[in-house]
């Protein structure tokens, strides 16, 4: 009876040690991925359709780490009425839209003065304005759609793919005048 109890305790201890090893190994892999994600720059490219796109690695943080390292973002999430422990991921993307265009001026007669109007537009940007004497009033409206896809990059050996090497976020801008300046995606892990 004592031998069975000893073997059972030994088996439980070995199981606990094996579990601790697996957890520590997963933590090492996560921390290595975070180091490479922090050191990597955002990659800019164009899709086959000519859309501007950017690619960046995903930073994986635990809730406690997120609260310590990104306190302002955690406060913003709480202001939305969302509990941080229920948050799966947070993405932040900044866009810069630049349009250089020449628009012809046209004259419209007023009673005593001349009002000059201009207007230019394409499917993404609309520029309209007026020149009244020495005053210029201009209105610029830019419409943009972002497609954000988070995906796993598998490990590869020749033609064999297995596991997860990295998690990447792809961002595609449908506006040809827009370039993705900054992108961040933080995955919260339990």
C-alpha atoms as a PDB file:
ATOM      1  CA  UNK A   1       0.000   0.000   0.000  1.00  0.00           C
ATOM      2  CA  UNK A   2       2.831   2.373   0.889  1.00  0.00           C
ATOM      3  CA  UNK A   3       4.602   1.549  -2.393  1.00  0.00           C
ATOM      4  CA  UNK A   4       1.495   2.395  -4.393  1.00  0.00           C
ATOM      5  CA  UNK A   5       1.101   5.666  -2.472  1.00  0.00           C
ATOM      6  CA  UNK A   6       4.795   6.539  -3.064  1.00  0.00           C
ATOM      7  CA  UNK A   7       4.509   5.771  -6.777  1.00  0.00           C
ATOM      8  CA  UNK A   8       1.314   7.796  -6.968  1.00  0.00           C
ATOM      9  CA  UNK A   9       2.955  10.780  -5.229  1.00  0.00           C
ATOM     10  CA  UNK A  10       5.992  10.451  -7.489  1.00  0.00           C
ATOM     11  CA  UNK A  11       3.741  10.374 -10.563  1.00  0.00           C
ATOM     12  CA  UNK A  12       1.866  13.486  -9.376  1.00  0.00           C
ATOM     13  CA  UNK A  13       5.177  15.279  -8.708  1.00  0.00           C
ATOM     14  CA  UNK A  14       6.515  14.381 -12.150  1.00  0.00           C
ATOM     15  CA  UNK A  15       3.253  15.555 -13.724  1.00  0.00           C
ATOM     16  CA  UNK A  16       3.435  18.855 -11.834  1.00  0.00           C
ATOM     17  CA  UNK A  17       7.060  19.376 -12.884  1.00  0.00           C
ATOM     18  CA  UNK A  18       6.216  18.566 -16.501  1.00  0.00           C
ATOM     19  CA  UNK A  19       3.326  21.042 -16.434  1.00  0.00           C
ATOM     20  CA  UNK A  20       5.578  23.749 -14.917  1.00  0.00           C
ATOM     21  CA  UNK A  21       8.154  23.080 -17.642  1.00  0.00           C
ATOM     22  CA  UNK A  22       5.544  23.439 -20.409  1.00  0.00           C
ATOM     23  CA  UNK A  23       4.207  26.699 -18.913  1.00  0.00           C
ATOM     24  CA  UNK A  24       7.739  28.124 -18.544  1.00  0.00           C
ATOM     25  CA  UNK A  25       8.553  27.124 -22.118  1.00  0.00           C
ATOM     26  CA  UNK A  26       5.415  28.864 -23.430  1.00  0.00           C
ATOM     27  CA  UNK A  27       6.327  32.003 -21.454  1.00  0.00           C
ATOM     28  CA  UNK A  28       9.837  32.000 -22.959  1.00  0.00           C
ATOM     29  CA  UNK A  29       8.400  31.727 -26.477  1.00  0.00           C
ATOM     30  CA  UNK A  30       5.951  34.597 -25.757  1.00  0.00           C
ATOM     31  CA  UNK A  31       8.695  36.847 -24.374  1.00  0.00           C
ATOM     32  CA  UNK A  32      10.969  36.127 -27.358  1.00  0.00           C
ATOM     33  CA  UNK A  33       8.132  36.995 -29.746  1.00  0.00           C
ATOM     34  CA  UNK A  34       7.506  40.248 -27.826  1.00  0.00           C
ATOM     35  CA  UNK A  35      11.209  41.175 -28.049  1.00  0.00           C
ATOM     36  CA  UNK A  36      11.246  40.698 -31.809  1.00  0.00           C
ATOM     37  CA  UNK A  37       7.897  42.556 -32.174  1.00  0.00           C
ATOM     38  CA  UNK A  38       9.259  45.558 -30.262  1.00  0.00           C
ATOM     39  CA  UNK A  39      12.444  45.640 -32.322  1.00  0.00           C
ATOM     40  CA  UNK A  40      10.802  45.274 -35.737  1.00  0.00           C
ATOM     41  CA  UNK A  41       9.794  48.249 -37.878  1.00  0.00           C
ATOM     42  CA  UNK A  42       6.482  48.444 -39.720  1.00  0.00           C
ATOM     43  CA  UNK A  43       6.767  47.106 -43.296  1.00  0.00           C
ATOM     44  CA  UNK A  44       5.057  49.137 -46.037  1.00  0.00           C
ATOM     45  CA  UNK A  45       4.059  47.575 -49.357  1.00  0.00           C
ATOM     46  CA  UNK A  46       1.432  47.681 -52.087  1.00  0.00           C
ATOM     47  CA  UNK A  47      -1.081  44.936 -52.733  1.00  0.00           C
ATOM     48  CA  UNK A  48      -1.599  43.441 -56.190  1.00  0.00           C
ATOM     49  CA  UNK A  49      -4.544  45.814 -56.640  1.00  0.00           C
ATOM     50  CA  UNK A  50      -2.347  48.827 -55.846  1.00  0.00           C
ATOM     51  CA  UNK A  51      -3.720  49.512 -52.356  1.00  0.00           C
ATOM     52  CA  UNK A  52      -1.354  50.824 -49.688  1.00  0.00           C
ATOM     53  CA  UNK A  53      -0.691  48.209 -47.007  1.00  0.00           C
ATOM     54  CA  UNK A  54       1.404  47.755 -43.876  1.00  0.00           C
ATOM     55  CA  UNK A  55       2.457  44.733 -41.852  1.00  0.00           C
ATOM     56  CA  UNK A  56       3.578  44.528 -38.230  1.00  0.00           C
ATOM     57  CA  UNK A  57       4.057  41.867 -35.573  1.00  0.00           C
ATOM     58  CA  UNK A  58       1.658  41.471 -32.672  1.00  0.00           C
ATOM     59  CA  UNK A  59       2.708  42.317 -29.120  1.00  0.00           C
ATOM     60  CA  UNK A  60       1.256  39.778 -26.651  1.00  0.00           C
ATOM     61  CA  UNK A  61       0.728  41.038 -23.084  1.00  0.00           C
ATOM     62  CA  UNK A  62      -1.073  39.687 -20.074  1.00  0.00           C
ATOM     63  CA  UNK A  63      -3.758  41.868 -18.434  1.00  0.00           C
ATOM     64  CA  UNK A  64      -1.491  42.798 -15.512  1.00  0.00           C
ATOM     65  CA  UNK A  65       1.379  43.689 -17.864  1.00  0.00           C
ATOM     66  CA  UNK A  66      -0.986  45.742 -20.006  1.00  0.00           C
ATOM     67  CA  UNK A  67      -2.212  47.712 -16.985  1.00  0.00           C
ATOM     68  CA  UNK A  68       1.373  48.442 -15.890  1.00  0.00           C
ATOM     69  CA  UNK A  69       2.885  49.249 -19.290  1.00  0.00           C
ATOM     70  CA  UNK A  70      -0.107  50.870 -21.025  1.00  0.00           C
ATOM     71  CA  UNK A  71      -1.985  52.547 -18.196  1.00  0.00           C
ATOM     72  CA  UNK A  72      -3.455  55.272 -20.414  1.00  0.00           C
ATOM     73  CA  UNK A  73      -4.851  52.742 -22.915  1.00  0.00           C
ATOM     74  CA  UNK A  74      -6.272  50.669 -20.046  1.00  0.00           C
ATOM     75  CA  UNK A  75      -7.997  53.804 -18.723  1.00  0.00           C
ATOM     76  CA  UNK A  76      -9.487  54.471 -22.179  1.00  0.00           C
ATOM     77  CA  UNK A  77     -10.822  50.913 -22.320  1.00  0.00           C
ATOM     78  CA  UNK A  78     -12.406  51.328 -18.882  1.00  0.00           C
ATOM     79  CA  UNK A  79     -13.991  54.640 -19.978  1.00  0.00           C
ATOM     80  CA  UNK A  80     -15.754  52.702 -22.729  1.00  0.00           C
ATOM     81  CA  UNK A  81     -17.347  50.554 -20.032  1.00  0.00           C
ATOM     82  CA  UNK A  82     -15.357  47.446 -20.956  1.00  0.00           C
ATOM     83  CA  UNK A  83     -13.589  45.342 -18.366  1.00  0.00           C
ATOM     84  CA  UNK A  84      -9.947  44.823 -19.180  1.00  0.00           C
ATOM     85  CA  UNK A  85     -10.100  41.105 -18.424  1.00  0.00           C
ATOM     86  CA  UNK A  86     -12.741  40.675 -21.141  1.00  0.00           C
ATOM     87  CA  UNK A  87     -10.726  42.520 -23.757  1.00  0.00           C
ATOM     88  CA  UNK A  88      -9.270  40.227 -26.388  1.00  0.00           C
ATOM     89  CA  UNK A  89      -7.095  42.683 -28.289  1.00  0.00           C
ATOM     90  CA  UNK A  90      -6.558  46.372 -28.887  1.00  0.00           C
ATOM     91  CA  UNK A  91      -5.519  47.819 -32.253  1.00  0.00           C
ATOM     92  CA  UNK A  92      -4.482  51.386 -32.962  1.00  0.00           C
ATOM     93  CA  UNK A  93      -3.811  52.669 -36.477  1.00  0.00           C
ATOM     94  CA  UNK A  94      -2.837  56.205 -37.488  1.00  0.00           C
ATOM     95  CA  UNK A  95      -3.342  57.346 -41.076  1.00  0.00           C
ATOM     96  CA  UNK A  96      -1.891  60.276 -42.947  1.00  0.00           C
ATOM     97  CA  UNK A  97      -3.764  61.523 -46.016  1.00  0.00           C
ATOM     98  CA  UNK A  98      -1.982  63.826 -48.454  1.00  0.00           C
ATOM     99  CA  UNK A  99      -3.522  65.032 -51.702  1.00  0.00           C
ATOM    100  CA  UNK A 100      -1.686  67.386 -54.022  1.00  0.00           C
ATOM    101  CA  UNK A 101      -4.025  68.677 -56.701  1.00  0.00           C
ATOM    102  CA  UNK A 102      -4.654  71.722 -58.830  1.00  0.00           C
ATOM    103  CA  UNK A 103      -8.278  72.812 -59.165  1.00  0.00           C
ATOM    104  CA  UNK A 104      -9.367  75.384 -61.772  1.00  0.00           C
ATOM    105  CA  UNK A 105     -10.924  78.582 -60.397  1.00  0.00           C
ATOM    106  CA  UNK A 106     -14.185  79.898 -61.754  1.00  0.00           C
ATOM    107  CA  UNK A 107     -15.752  83.300 -61.295  1.00  0.00           C
ATOM    108  CA  UNK A 108     -19.216  84.050 -60.042  1.00  0.00           C
ATOM    109  CA  UNK A 109     -20.401  87.631 -60.120  1.00  0.00           C
ATOM    110  CA  UNK A 110     -21.752  89.278 -57.025  1.00  0.00           C
ATOM    111  CA  UNK A 111     -23.308  92.685 -56.825  1.00  0.00           C
ATOM    112  CA  UNK A 112     -20.079  94.561 -55.988  1.00  0.00           C
ATOM    113  CA  UNK A 113     -17.424  91.890 -55.637  1.00  0.00           C
ATOM    114  CA  UNK A 114     -16.206  88.734 -57.354  1.00  0.00           C
ATOM    115  CA  UNK A 115     -16.409  85.371 -55.551  1.00  0.00           C
ATOM    116  CA  UNK A 116     -14.055  82.707 -56.895  1.00  0.00           C
ATOM    117  CA  UNK A 117     -15.024  79.064 -56.299  1.00  0.00           C
ATOM    118  CA  UNK A 118     -13.064  75.851 -56.730  1.00  0.00           C
ATOM    119  CA  UNK A 119     -13.951  72.197 -56.380  1.00  0.00           C
ATOM    120  CA  UNK A 120     -12.059  68.945 -56.951  1.00  0.00           C
ATOM    121  CA  UNK A 121     -12.994  65.407 -56.045  1.00  0.00           C
ATOM    122  CA  UNK A 122     -12.240  61.786 -56.664  1.00  0.00           C
ATOM    123  CA  UNK A 123     -13.893  58.737 -55.031  1.00  0.00           C
ATOM    124  CA  UNK A 124     -11.888  59.202 -51.794  1.00  0.00           C
ATOM    125  CA  UNK A 125     -11.251  62.943 -51.361  1.00  0.00           C
ATOM    126  CA  UNK A 126     -13.374  66.035 -51.934  1.00  0.00           C
ATOM    127  CA  UNK A 127     -11.891  69.550 -51.859  1.00  0.00           C
ATOM    128  CA  UNK A 128     -14.149  72.581 -52.168  1.00  0.00           C
ATOM    129  CA  UNK A 129     -13.581  76.202 -51.367  1.00  0.00           C
ATOM    130  CA  UNK A 130     -14.031  79.831 -52.204  1.00  0.00           C
ATOM    131  CA  UNK A 131     -11.769  82.827 -52.505  1.00  0.00           C
ATOM    132  CA  UNK A 132     -13.538  86.001 -51.444  1.00  0.00           C
ATOM    133  CA  UNK A 133     -11.208  88.960 -51.872  1.00  0.00           C
ATOM    134  CA  UNK A 134      -8.230  88.107 -49.703  1.00  0.00           C
ATOM    135  CA  UNK A 135     -10.026  85.367 -47.710  1.00  0.00           C
ATOM    136  CA  UNK A 136      -9.850  81.691 -48.632  1.00  0.00           C
ATOM    137  CA  UNK A 137     -12.335  79.170 -47.216  1.00  0.00           C
ATOM    138  CA  UNK A 138     -11.604  75.541 -47.931  1.00  0.00           C
ATOM    139  CA  UNK A 139     -13.246  72.247 -47.035  1.00  0.00           C
ATOM    140  CA  UNK A 140     -11.418  68.922 -47.411  1.00  0.00           C
ATOM    141  CA  UNK A 141     -13.219  65.630 -46.810  1.00  0.00           C
ATOM    142  CA  UNK A 142     -11.267  62.376 -46.909  1.00  0.00           C
ATOM    143  CA  UNK A 143     -12.903  58.964 -46.733  1.00  0.00           C
ATOM    144  CA  UNK A 144     -10.845  55.898 -45.930  1.00  0.00           C
ATOM    145  CA  UNK A 145     -11.537  52.268 -45.182  1.00  0.00           C
ATOM    146  CA  UNK A 146      -9.092  50.100 -43.278  1.00  0.00           C
ATOM    147  CA  UNK A 147      -9.037  46.339 -43.419  1.00  0.00           C
ATOM    148  CA  UNK A 148      -7.185  44.797 -40.468  1.00  0.00           C
ATOM    149  CA  UNK A 149      -6.422  41.084 -40.502  1.00  0.00           C
ATOM    150  CA  UNK A 150      -4.622  39.302 -37.684  1.00  0.00           C
ATOM    151  CA  UNK A 151      -3.146  35.951 -38.656  1.00  0.00           C
ATOM    152  CA  UNK A 152      -0.694  33.321 -37.536  1.00  0.00           C
ATOM    153  CA  UNK A 153       2.584  32.719 -39.385  1.00  0.00           C
ATOM    154  CA  UNK A 154       3.475  29.001 -39.218  1.00  0.00           C
ATOM    155  CA  UNK A 155       6.941  27.578 -38.677  1.00  0.00           C
ATOM    156  CA  UNK A 156       8.401  26.076 -41.841  1.00  0.00           C
ATOM    157  CA  UNK A 157      10.862  23.344 -42.630  1.00  0.00           C
ATOM    158  CA  UNK A 158      11.132  22.813 -46.370  1.00  0.00           C
ATOM    159  CA  UNK A 159       7.485  22.311 -47.357  1.00  0.00           C
ATOM    160  CA  UNK A 160       6.229  21.279 -43.906  1.00  0.00           C
ATOM    161  CA  UNK A 161       4.353  23.896 -41.870  1.00  0.00           C
ATOM    162  CA  UNK A 162       3.541  23.497 -38.179  1.00  0.00           C
ATOM    163  CA  UNK A 163       2.855  25.513 -35.035  1.00  0.00           C
ATOM    164  CA  UNK A 164       3.030  29.289 -34.821  1.00  0.00           C
ATOM    165  CA  UNK A 165       6.166  31.275 -35.551  1.00  0.00           C
ATOM    166  CA  UNK A 166       4.569  34.709 -35.137  1.00  0.00           C
ATOM    167  CA  UNK A 167       1.244  36.511 -35.141  1.00  0.00           C
ATOM    168  CA  UNK A 168       1.012  39.325 -37.679  1.00  0.00           C
ATOM    169  CA  UNK A 169      -1.446  42.111 -38.380  1.00  0.00           C
ATOM    170  CA  UNK A 170      -2.047  43.177 -41.973  1.00  0.00           C
ATOM    171  CA  UNK A 171      -3.593  46.591 -42.590  1.00  0.00           C
ATOM    172  CA  UNK A 172      -4.893  47.555 -46.035  1.00  0.00           C
ATOM    173  CA  UNK A 173      -5.980  51.095 -46.856  1.00  0.00           C
ATOM    174  CA  UNK A 174      -8.489  51.459 -49.691  1.00  0.00           C
ATOM    175  CA  UNK A 175      -7.658  55.160 -50.190  1.00  0.00           C
ATOM    176  CA  UNK A 176      -4.731  55.510 -52.646  1.00  0.00           C
ATOM    177  CA  UNK A 177      -3.787  58.899 -51.094  1.00  0.00           C
ATOM    178  CA  UNK A 178      -3.370  57.387 -47.615  1.00  0.00           C
ATOM    179  CA  UNK A 179      -0.254  55.803 -46.161  1.00  0.00           C
ATOM    180  CA  UNK A 180      -0.358  53.895 -42.874  1.00  0.00           C
ATOM    181  CA  UNK A 181       2.030  55.762 -40.574  1.00  0.00           C
ATOM    182  CA  UNK A 182       1.779  53.790 -37.353  1.00  0.00           C
ATOM    183  CA  UNK A 183       0.114  50.551 -36.380  1.00  0.00           C
ATOM    184  CA  UNK A 184      -0.070  48.744 -33.077  1.00  0.00           C
ATOM    185  CA  UNK A 185      -1.884  45.593 -32.090  1.00  0.00           C
ATOM    186  CA  UNK A 186      -1.700  44.246 -28.566  1.00  0.00           C
ATOM    187  CA  UNK A 187      -3.142  40.813 -27.823  1.00  0.00           C
ATOM    188  CA  UNK A 188      -4.094  40.286 -24.175  1.00  0.00           C
ATOM    189  CA  UNK A 189      -3.484  36.800 -22.835  1.00  0.00           C
ATOM    190  CA  UNK A 190      -4.838  35.187 -19.727  1.00  0.00           C
END
